[in-house]
PDB file of all heavy atoms in Angstrom:
ATOM      1  N   LEU A   1      -5.516   3.119  -3.485  1.00  0.00           N
ATOM      2  CA  LEU A   1      -4.881   1.791  -3.656  1.00  0.00           C
ATOM      3  C   LEU A   1      -5.857   0.690  -3.799  1.00  0.00           C
ATOM      4  O   LEU A   1      -5.640  -0.277  -4.574  1.00  0.00           O
ATOM      5  CB  LEU A   1      -3.905   1.546  -2.497  1.00  0.00           C
ATOM      6  CG  LEU A   1      -2.671   2.450  -2.416  1.00  0.00           C
ATOM      7  CD1 LEU A   1      -1.891   2.216  -1.112  1.00  0.00           C
ATOM      8  CD2 LEU A   1      -1.731   2.232  -3.626  1.00  0.00           C
ATOM      9  N   LEU A   2      -6.910   0.679  -2.984  1.00  0.00           N
ATOM     10  CA  LEU A   2      -7.923  -0.364  -3.060  1.00  0.00           C
ATOM     11  C   LEU A   2      -8.755  -0.349  -4.331  1.00  0.00           C
ATOM     12  O   LEU A   2      -9.313  -1.315  -4.772  1.00  0.00           O
ATOM     13  CB  LEU A   2      -8.807  -0.318  -1.832  1.00  0.00           C
ATOM     14  CG  LEU A   2      -8.116  -0.628  -0.501  1.00  0.00           C
ATOM     15  CD1 LEU A   2      -9.053  -0.483   0.669  1.00  0.00           C
ATOM     16  CD2 LEU A   2      -7.415  -1.995  -0.512  1.00  0.00           C
ATOM     17  N   LEU A   3      -8.883   0.845  -4.893  1.00  0.00           N
ATOM     18  CA  LEU A   3      -9.589   0.971  -6.154  1.00  0.00           C
ATOM     19  C   LEU A   3      -8.813   0.462  -7.294  1.00  0.00           C
ATOM     20  O   LEU A   3      -9.399  -0.075  -8.290  1.00  0.00           O
ATOM     21  CB  LEU A   3      -9.933   2.483  -6.468  1.00  0.00           C
ATOM     22  CG  LEU A   3     -10.987   3.150  -5.543  1.00  0.00           C
ATOM     23  CD1 LEU A   3     -11.140   4.630  -5.868  1.00  0.00           C
ATOM     24  CD2 LEU A   3     -12.378   2.450  -5.723  1.00  0.00           C
ATOM     25  N   ILE A   4      -7.455   0.487  -7.180  1.00  0.00           N
ATOM     26  CA  ILE A   4      -6.605  -0.131  -8.191  1.00  0.00           C
ATOM     27  C   ILE A   4      -6.715  -1.672  -8.111  1.00  0.00           C
ATOM     28  O   ILE A   4      -6.846  -2.362  -9.087  1.00  0.00           O
ATOM     29  CB  ILE A   4      -5.157   0.286  -8.009  1.00  0.00           C
ATOM     30  CG1 ILE A   4      -5.044   1.843  -8.336  1.00  0.00           C
ATOM     31  CG2 ILE A   4      -4.243  -0.481  -8.886  1.00  0.00           C
ATOM     32  CD1 ILE A   4      -3.654   2.381  -7.937  1.00  0.00           C
ATOM     33  N   GLU A   5      -6.711  -2.141  -6.878  1.00  0.00           N
ATOM     34  CA  GLU A   5      -6.822  -3.609  -6.640  1.00  0.00           C
ATOM     35  C   GLU A   5      -7.220  -3.864  -5.203  1.00  0.00           C
ATOM     36  O   GLU A   5      -6.594  -3.264  -4.311  1.00  0.00           O
ATOM     37  CB  GLU A   5      -5.422  -4.256  -6.934  1.00  0.00           C
ATOM     38  CG  GLU A   5      -5.385  -5.742  -6.785  1.00  0.00           C
ATOM     39  CD  GLU A   5      -4.049  -6.324  -6.982  1.00  0.00           C
ATOM     40  OE1 GLU A   5      -3.140  -5.594  -7.464  1.00  0.00           O
ATOM     41  OE2 GLU A   5      -3.839  -7.528  -6.634  1.00  0.00           O
ATOM     42  N   PRO A   6      -8.183  -4.738  -4.974  1.00  0.00           N
ATOM     43  CA  PRO A   6      -8.570  -5.081  -3.618  1.00  0.00           C
ATOM     44  C   PRO A   6      -7.412  -5.790  -2.964  1.00  0.00           C
ATOM     45  O   PRO A   6      -6.689  -6.539  -3.602  1.00  0.00           O
ATOM     46  CB  PRO A   6      -9.731  -6.025  -3.789  1.00  0.00           C
ATOM     47  CG  PRO A   6     -10.298  -5.651  -5.147  1.00  0.00           C
ATOM     48  CD  PRO A   6      -9.146  -5.309  -5.938  1.00  0.00           C
ATOM     49  N   ARG A   7      -7.197  -5.521  -1.692  1.00  0.00           N
ATOM     50  CA  ARG A   7      -6.041  -6.075  -0.940  1.00  0.00           C
ATOM     51  C   ARG A   7      -6.427  -6.418   0.504  1.00  0.00           C
ATOM     52  O   ARG A   7      -7.283  -5.774   1.073  1.00  0.00           O
ATOM     53  CB  ARG A   7      -4.867  -5.079  -0.930  1.00  0.00           C
ATOM     54  CG  ARG A   7      -4.268  -4.797  -2.297  1.00  0.00           C
ATOM     55  CD  ARG A   7      -3.209  -3.735  -2.088  1.00  0.00           C
ATOM     56  NE  ARG A   7      -2.410  -3.541  -3.326  1.00  0.00           N
ATOM     57  CZ  ARG A   7      -2.707  -2.685  -4.308  1.00  0.00           C
ATOM     58  NH1 ARG A   7      -3.870  -1.980  -4.197  1.00  0.00           N
ATOM     59  NH2 ARG A   7      -1.997  -2.556  -5.381  1.00  0.00           N
ATOM     60  N   HIS A   8      -5.688  -7.363   1.061  1.00  0.00           N
ATOM     61  CA  HIS A   8      -5.803  -7.552   2.511  1.00  0.00           C
ATOM     62  C   HIS A   8      -4.803  -6.606   3.181  1.00  0.00           C
ATOM     63  O   HIS A   8      -4.030  -5.949   2.567  1.00  0.00           O
ATOM     64  CB  HIS A   8      -5.533  -9.006   2.933  1.00  0.00           C
ATOM     65  CG  HIS A   8      -4.275  -9.560   2.434  1.00  0.00           C
ATOM     66  ND1 HIS A   8      -3.029  -9.237   3.029  1.00  0.00           N
ATOM     67  CD2 HIS A   8      -4.021 -10.464   1.440  1.00  0.00           C
ATOM     68  CE1 HIS A   8      -2.117  -9.904   2.379  1.00  0.00           C
ATOM     69  NE2 HIS A   8      -2.545 -10.655   1.373  1.00  0.00           N
ATOM     70  N   GLY A   9      -4.892  -6.484   4.508  1.00  0.00           N
ATOM     71  CA  GLY A   9      -4.149  -5.448   5.193  1.00  0.00           C
ATOM     72  C   GLY A   9      -2.694  -5.549   5.029  1.00  0.00           C
ATOM     73  O   GLY A   9      -2.033  -4.515   4.777  1.00  0.00           O
ATOM     74  N   TYR A  10      -2.062  -6.722   5.106  1.00  0.00           N
ATOM     75  CA  TYR A  10      -0.620  -6.824   4.945  1.00  0.00           C
ATOM     76  C   TYR A  10      -0.183  -6.479   3.568  1.00  0.00           C
ATOM     77  O   TYR A  10       0.841  -5.846   3.364  1.00  0.00           O
ATOM     78  CB  TYR A  10      -0.128  -8.218   5.325  1.00  0.00           C
ATOM     79  CG  TYR A  10       1.359  -8.349   5.277  1.00  0.00           C
ATOM     80  CD1 TYR A  10       2.126  -7.764   6.290  1.00  0.00           C
ATOM     81  CD2 TYR A  10       1.979  -8.987   4.169  1.00  0.00           C
ATOM     82  CE1 TYR A  10       3.550  -7.801   6.223  1.00  0.00           C
ATOM     83  CE2 TYR A  10       3.355  -9.043   4.146  1.00  0.00           C
ATOM     84  CZ  TYR A  10       4.144  -8.464   5.155  1.00  0.00           C
ATOM     85  OH  TYR A  10       5.538  -8.485   5.121  1.00  0.00           O
ATOM     86  N   ALA A  11      -0.956  -6.875   2.546  1.00  0.00           N
ATOM     87  CA  ALA A  11      -0.617  -6.555   1.159  1.00  0.00           C
ATOM     88  C   ALA A  11      -0.668  -5.005   0.974  1.00  0.00           C
ATOM     89  O   ALA A  11       0.143  -4.467   0.251  1.00  0.00           O
ATOM     90  CB  ALA A  11      -1.479  -7.294   0.175  1.00  0.00           C
ATOM     91  N   LEU A  12      -1.650  -4.391   1.520  1.00  0.00           N
ATOM     92  CA  LEU A  12      -1.793  -2.989   1.473  1.00  0.00           C
ATOM     93  C   LEU A  12      -0.616  -2.285   2.110  1.00  0.00           C
ATOM     94  O   LEU A  12      -0.070  -1.345   1.548  1.00  0.00           O
ATOM     95  CB  LEU A  12      -3.079  -2.529   2.169  1.00  0.00           C
ATOM     96  CG  LEU A  12      -3.458  -1.043   2.086  1.00  0.00           C
ATOM     97  CD1 LEU A  12      -3.641  -0.578   0.644  1.00  0.00           C
ATOM     98  CD2 LEU A  12      -4.680  -0.717   2.893  1.00  0.00           C
ATOM     99  N   PHE A  13      -0.251  -2.780   3.298  1.00  0.00           N
ATOM    100  CA  PHE A  13       0.936  -2.198   4.014  1.00  0.00           C
ATOM    101  C   PHE A  13       2.222  -2.342   3.155  1.00  0.00           C
ATOM    102  O   PHE A  13       2.986  -1.402   3.040  1.00  0.00           O
ATOM    103  CB  PHE A  13       1.114  -2.922   5.331  1.00  0.00           C
ATOM    104  CG  PHE A  13       2.284  -2.490   6.158  1.00  0.00           C
ATOM    105  CD1 PHE A  13       2.304  -1.266   6.792  1.00  0.00           C
ATOM    106  CD2 PHE A  13       3.456  -3.260   6.139  1.00  0.00           C
ATOM    107  CE1 PHE A  13       3.404  -0.863   7.505  1.00  0.00           C
ATOM    108  CE2 PHE A  13       4.559  -2.850   6.863  1.00  0.00           C
ATOM    109  CZ  PHE A  13       4.551  -1.646   7.548  1.00  0.00           C
ATOM    110  N   SER A  14       2.364  -3.541   2.505  1.00  0.00           N
ATOM    111  CA  SER A  14       3.552  -3.765   1.684  1.00  0.00           C
ATOM    112  C   SER A  14       3.600  -2.832   0.482  1.00  0.00           C
ATOM    113  O   SER A  14       4.652  -2.362   0.111  1.00  0.00           O
ATOM    114  CB  SER A  14       3.561  -5.213   1.224  1.00  0.00           C
ATOM    115  OG  SER A  14       3.652  -6.095   2.313  1.00  0.00           O
ATOM    116  N   GLN A  15       2.385  -2.561  -0.098  1.00  0.00           N
ATOM    117  CA  GLN A  15       2.306  -1.654  -1.219  1.00  0.00           C
ATOM    118  C   GLN A  15       2.687  -0.185  -0.848  1.00  0.00           C
ATOM    119  O   GLN A  15       3.446   0.479  -1.534  1.00  0.00           O
ATOM    120  CB  GLN A  15       0.896  -1.641  -1.775  1.00  0.00           C
ATOM    121  CG  GLN A  15       0.765  -0.917  -3.115  1.00  0.00           C
ATOM    122  CD  GLN A  15       1.424  -1.681  -4.268  1.00  0.00           C
ATOM    123  OE1 GLN A  15       1.469  -2.915  -4.282  1.00  0.00           O
ATOM    124  NE2 GLN A  15       1.912  -0.967  -5.254  1.00  0.00           N
ATOM    125  N   ILE A  16       2.239   0.209   0.358  1.00  0.00           N
ATOM    126  CA  ILE A  16       2.529   1.557   0.831  1.00  0.00           C
ATOM    127  C   ILE A  16       4.061   1.661   1.114  1.00  0.00           C
ATOM    128  O   ILE A  16       4.722   2.612   0.732  1.00  0.00           O
ATOM    129  CB  ILE A  16       1.769   1.838   2.123  1.00  0.00           C
ATOM    130  CG1 ILE A  16       0.257   1.989   1.792  1.00  0.00           C
ATOM    131  CG2 ILE A  16       2.233   3.111   2.783  1.00  0.00           C
ATOM    132  CD1 ILE A  16      -0.619   2.015   3.038  1.00  0.00           C
ATOM    133  N   GLN A  17       4.639   0.574   1.691  1.00  0.00           N
ATOM    134  CA  GLN A  17       6.052   0.605   1.965  1.00  0.00           C
ATOM    135  C   GLN A  17       6.855   0.602   0.701  1.00  0.00           C
ATOM    136  O   GLN A  17       7.909   1.214   0.589  1.00  0.00           O
ATOM    137  CB  GLN A  17       6.416  -0.642   2.837  1.00  0.00           C
ATOM    138  CG  GLN A  17       5.933  -0.605   4.208  1.00  0.00           C
ATOM    139  CD  GLN A  17       6.558   0.457   5.049  1.00  0.00           C
ATOM    140  OE1 GLN A  17       5.935   1.502   5.225  1.00  0.00           O
ATOM    141  NE2 GLN A  17       7.727   0.244   5.528  1.00  0.00           N
ATOM    142  N   SER A  18       6.363  -0.069  -0.346  1.00  0.00           N
ATOM    143  CA  SER A  18       7.115  -0.193  -1.556  1.00  0.00           C
ATOM    144  C   SER A  18       7.016   1.126  -2.404  1.00  0.00           C
ATOM    145  O   SER A  18       8.083   1.636  -2.941  1.00  0.00           O
ATOM    146  CB  SER A  18       6.533  -1.332  -2.415  1.00  0.00           C
ATOM    147  OG  SER A  18       7.083  -1.338  -3.727  1.00  0.00           O
ATOM    148  N   ASP A  19       5.792   1.671  -2.545  1.00  0.00           N
ATOM    149  CA  ASP A  19       5.592   2.793  -3.493  1.00  0.00           C
ATOM    150  C   ASP A  19       5.532   4.201  -2.825  1.00  0.00           C
ATOM    151  O   ASP A  19       5.851   5.131  -3.436  1.00  0.00           O
ATOM    152  CB  ASP A  19       4.323   2.592  -4.271  1.00  0.00           C
ATOM    153  CG  ASP A  19       4.391   1.399  -5.250  1.00  0.00           C
ATOM    154  OD1 ASP A  19       5.508   0.797  -5.273  1.00  0.00           O
ATOM    155  OD2 ASP A  19       3.410   1.067  -5.887  1.00  0.00           O
ATOM    156  N   LEU A  20       5.058   4.225  -1.547  1.00  0.00           N
ATOM    157  CA  LEU A  20       4.778   5.535  -0.969  1.00  0.00           C
ATOM    158  C   LEU A  20       5.520   5.793   0.346  1.00  0.00           C
ATOM    159  O   LEU A  20       5.169   6.700   1.081  1.00  0.00           O
ATOM    160  CB  LEU A  20       3.282   5.679  -0.701  1.00  0.00           C
ATOM    161  CG  LEU A  20       2.370   5.663  -1.999  1.00  0.00           C
ATOM    162  CD1 LEU A  20       0.902   5.431  -1.615  1.00  0.00           C
ATOM    163  CD2 LEU A  20       2.574   6.988  -2.718  1.00  0.00           C
ATOM    164  N   ARG A  21       6.557   4.993   0.628  1.00  0.00           N
ATOM    165  CA  ARG A  21       7.252   5.156   1.886  1.00  0.00           C
ATOM    166  C   ARG A  21       7.922   6.522   2.042  1.00  0.00           C
ATOM    167  O   ARG A  21       8.174   7.022   3.128  1.00  0.00           O
ATOM    168  CB  ARG A  21       8.299   4.059   2.107  1.00  0.00           C
ATOM    169  CG  ARG A  21       9.457   4.072   1.076  1.00  0.00           C
ATOM    170  CD  ARG A  21      10.372   2.914   1.337  1.00  0.00           C
ATOM    171  NE  ARG A  21      11.510   2.937   0.429  1.00  0.00           N
ATOM    172  CZ  ARG A  21      11.497   2.343  -0.781  1.00  0.00           C
ATOM    173  NH1 ARG A  21      10.374   1.689  -1.127  1.00  0.00           N
ATOM    174  NH2 ARG A  21      12.494   2.344  -1.585  1.00  0.00           N
ATOM    175  N   ASP A  22       8.229   7.228   0.903  1.00  0.00           N
ATOM    176  CA  ASP A  22       8.881   8.525   0.984  1.00  0.00           C
ATOM    177  C   ASP A  22       7.887   9.623   1.365  1.00  0.00           C
ATOM    178  O   ASP A  22       8.318  10.749   1.679  1.00  0.00           O
ATOM    179  CB  ASP A  22       9.509   8.790  -0.339  1.00  0.00           C
ATOM    180  CG  ASP A  22      10.721   7.856  -0.632  1.00  0.00           C
ATOM    181  OD1 ASP A  22      11.403   7.523   0.308  1.00  0.00           O
ATOM    182  OD2 ASP A  22      10.902   7.536  -1.807  1.00  0.00           O
ATOM    183  N   VAL A  23       6.593   9.375   1.245  1.00  0.00           N
ATOM    184  CA  VAL A  23       5.619  10.455   1.511  1.00  0.00           C
ATOM    185  C   VAL A  23       4.672  10.061   2.662  1.00  0.00           C
ATOM    186  O   VAL A  23       3.974  10.962   3.113  1.00  0.00           O
ATOM    187  CB  VAL A  23       4.794  10.809   0.283  1.00  0.00           C
ATOM    188  CG1 VAL A  23       5.672  11.348  -0.823  1.00  0.00           C
ATOM    189  CG2 VAL A  23       3.990   9.596  -0.278  1.00  0.00           C
ATOM    190  N   TRP A  24       4.613   8.804   3.054  1.00  0.00           N
ATOM    191  CA  TRP A  24       3.698   8.446   4.180  1.00  0.00           C
ATOM    192  C   TRP A  24       4.313   7.297   4.978  1.00  0.00           C
ATOM    193  O   TRP A  24       4.576   6.208   4.477  1.00  0.00           O
ATOM    194  CB  TRP A  24       2.354   8.006   3.591  1.00  0.00           C
ATOM    195  CG  TRP A  24       1.347   7.757   4.638  1.00  0.00           C
ATOM    196  CD1 TRP A  24       1.247   8.317   5.880  1.00  0.00           C
ATOM    197  CD2 TRP A  24       0.209   6.843   4.604  1.00  0.00           C
ATOM    198  NE1 TRP A  24       0.146   7.823   6.581  1.00  0.00           N
ATOM    199  CE2 TRP A  24      -0.480   6.958   5.837  1.00  0.00           C
ATOM    200  CE3 TRP A  24      -0.257   5.960   3.654  1.00  0.00           C
ATOM    201  CZ2 TRP A  24      -1.620   6.216   6.109  1.00  0.00           C
ATOM    202  CZ3 TRP A  24      -1.405   5.212   3.894  1.00  0.00           C
ATOM    203  CH2 TRP A  24      -2.062   5.306   5.123  1.00  0.00           C
ATOM    204  N   HIS A  25       4.555   7.616   6.222  1.00  0.00           N
ATOM    205  CA  HIS A  25       5.102   6.604   7.158  1.00  0.00           C
ATOM    206  C   HIS A  25       3.947   6.194   8.052  1.00  0.00           C
ATOM    207  O   HIS A  25       3.403   6.975   8.898  1.00  0.00           O
ATOM    208  CB  HIS A  25       6.226   7.195   7.979  1.00  0.00           C
ATOM    209  CG  HIS A  25       7.358   7.681   7.166  1.00  0.00           C
ATOM    210  ND1 HIS A  25       8.333   6.883   6.577  1.00  0.00           N
ATOM    211  CD2 HIS A  25       7.701   8.960   6.710  1.00  0.00           C
ATOM    212  CE1 HIS A  25       9.201   7.533   5.866  1.00  0.00           C
ATOM    213  NE2 HIS A  25       8.828   8.873   5.997  1.00  0.00           N
TER     214      HIS A  25
END
């Protein structure tokens, strides 16, 4: 995810929740 775009912690968490919540909690 960080190679696609640098992010701060909360933005990274939001991206995981948006795109990958079905495979990683």
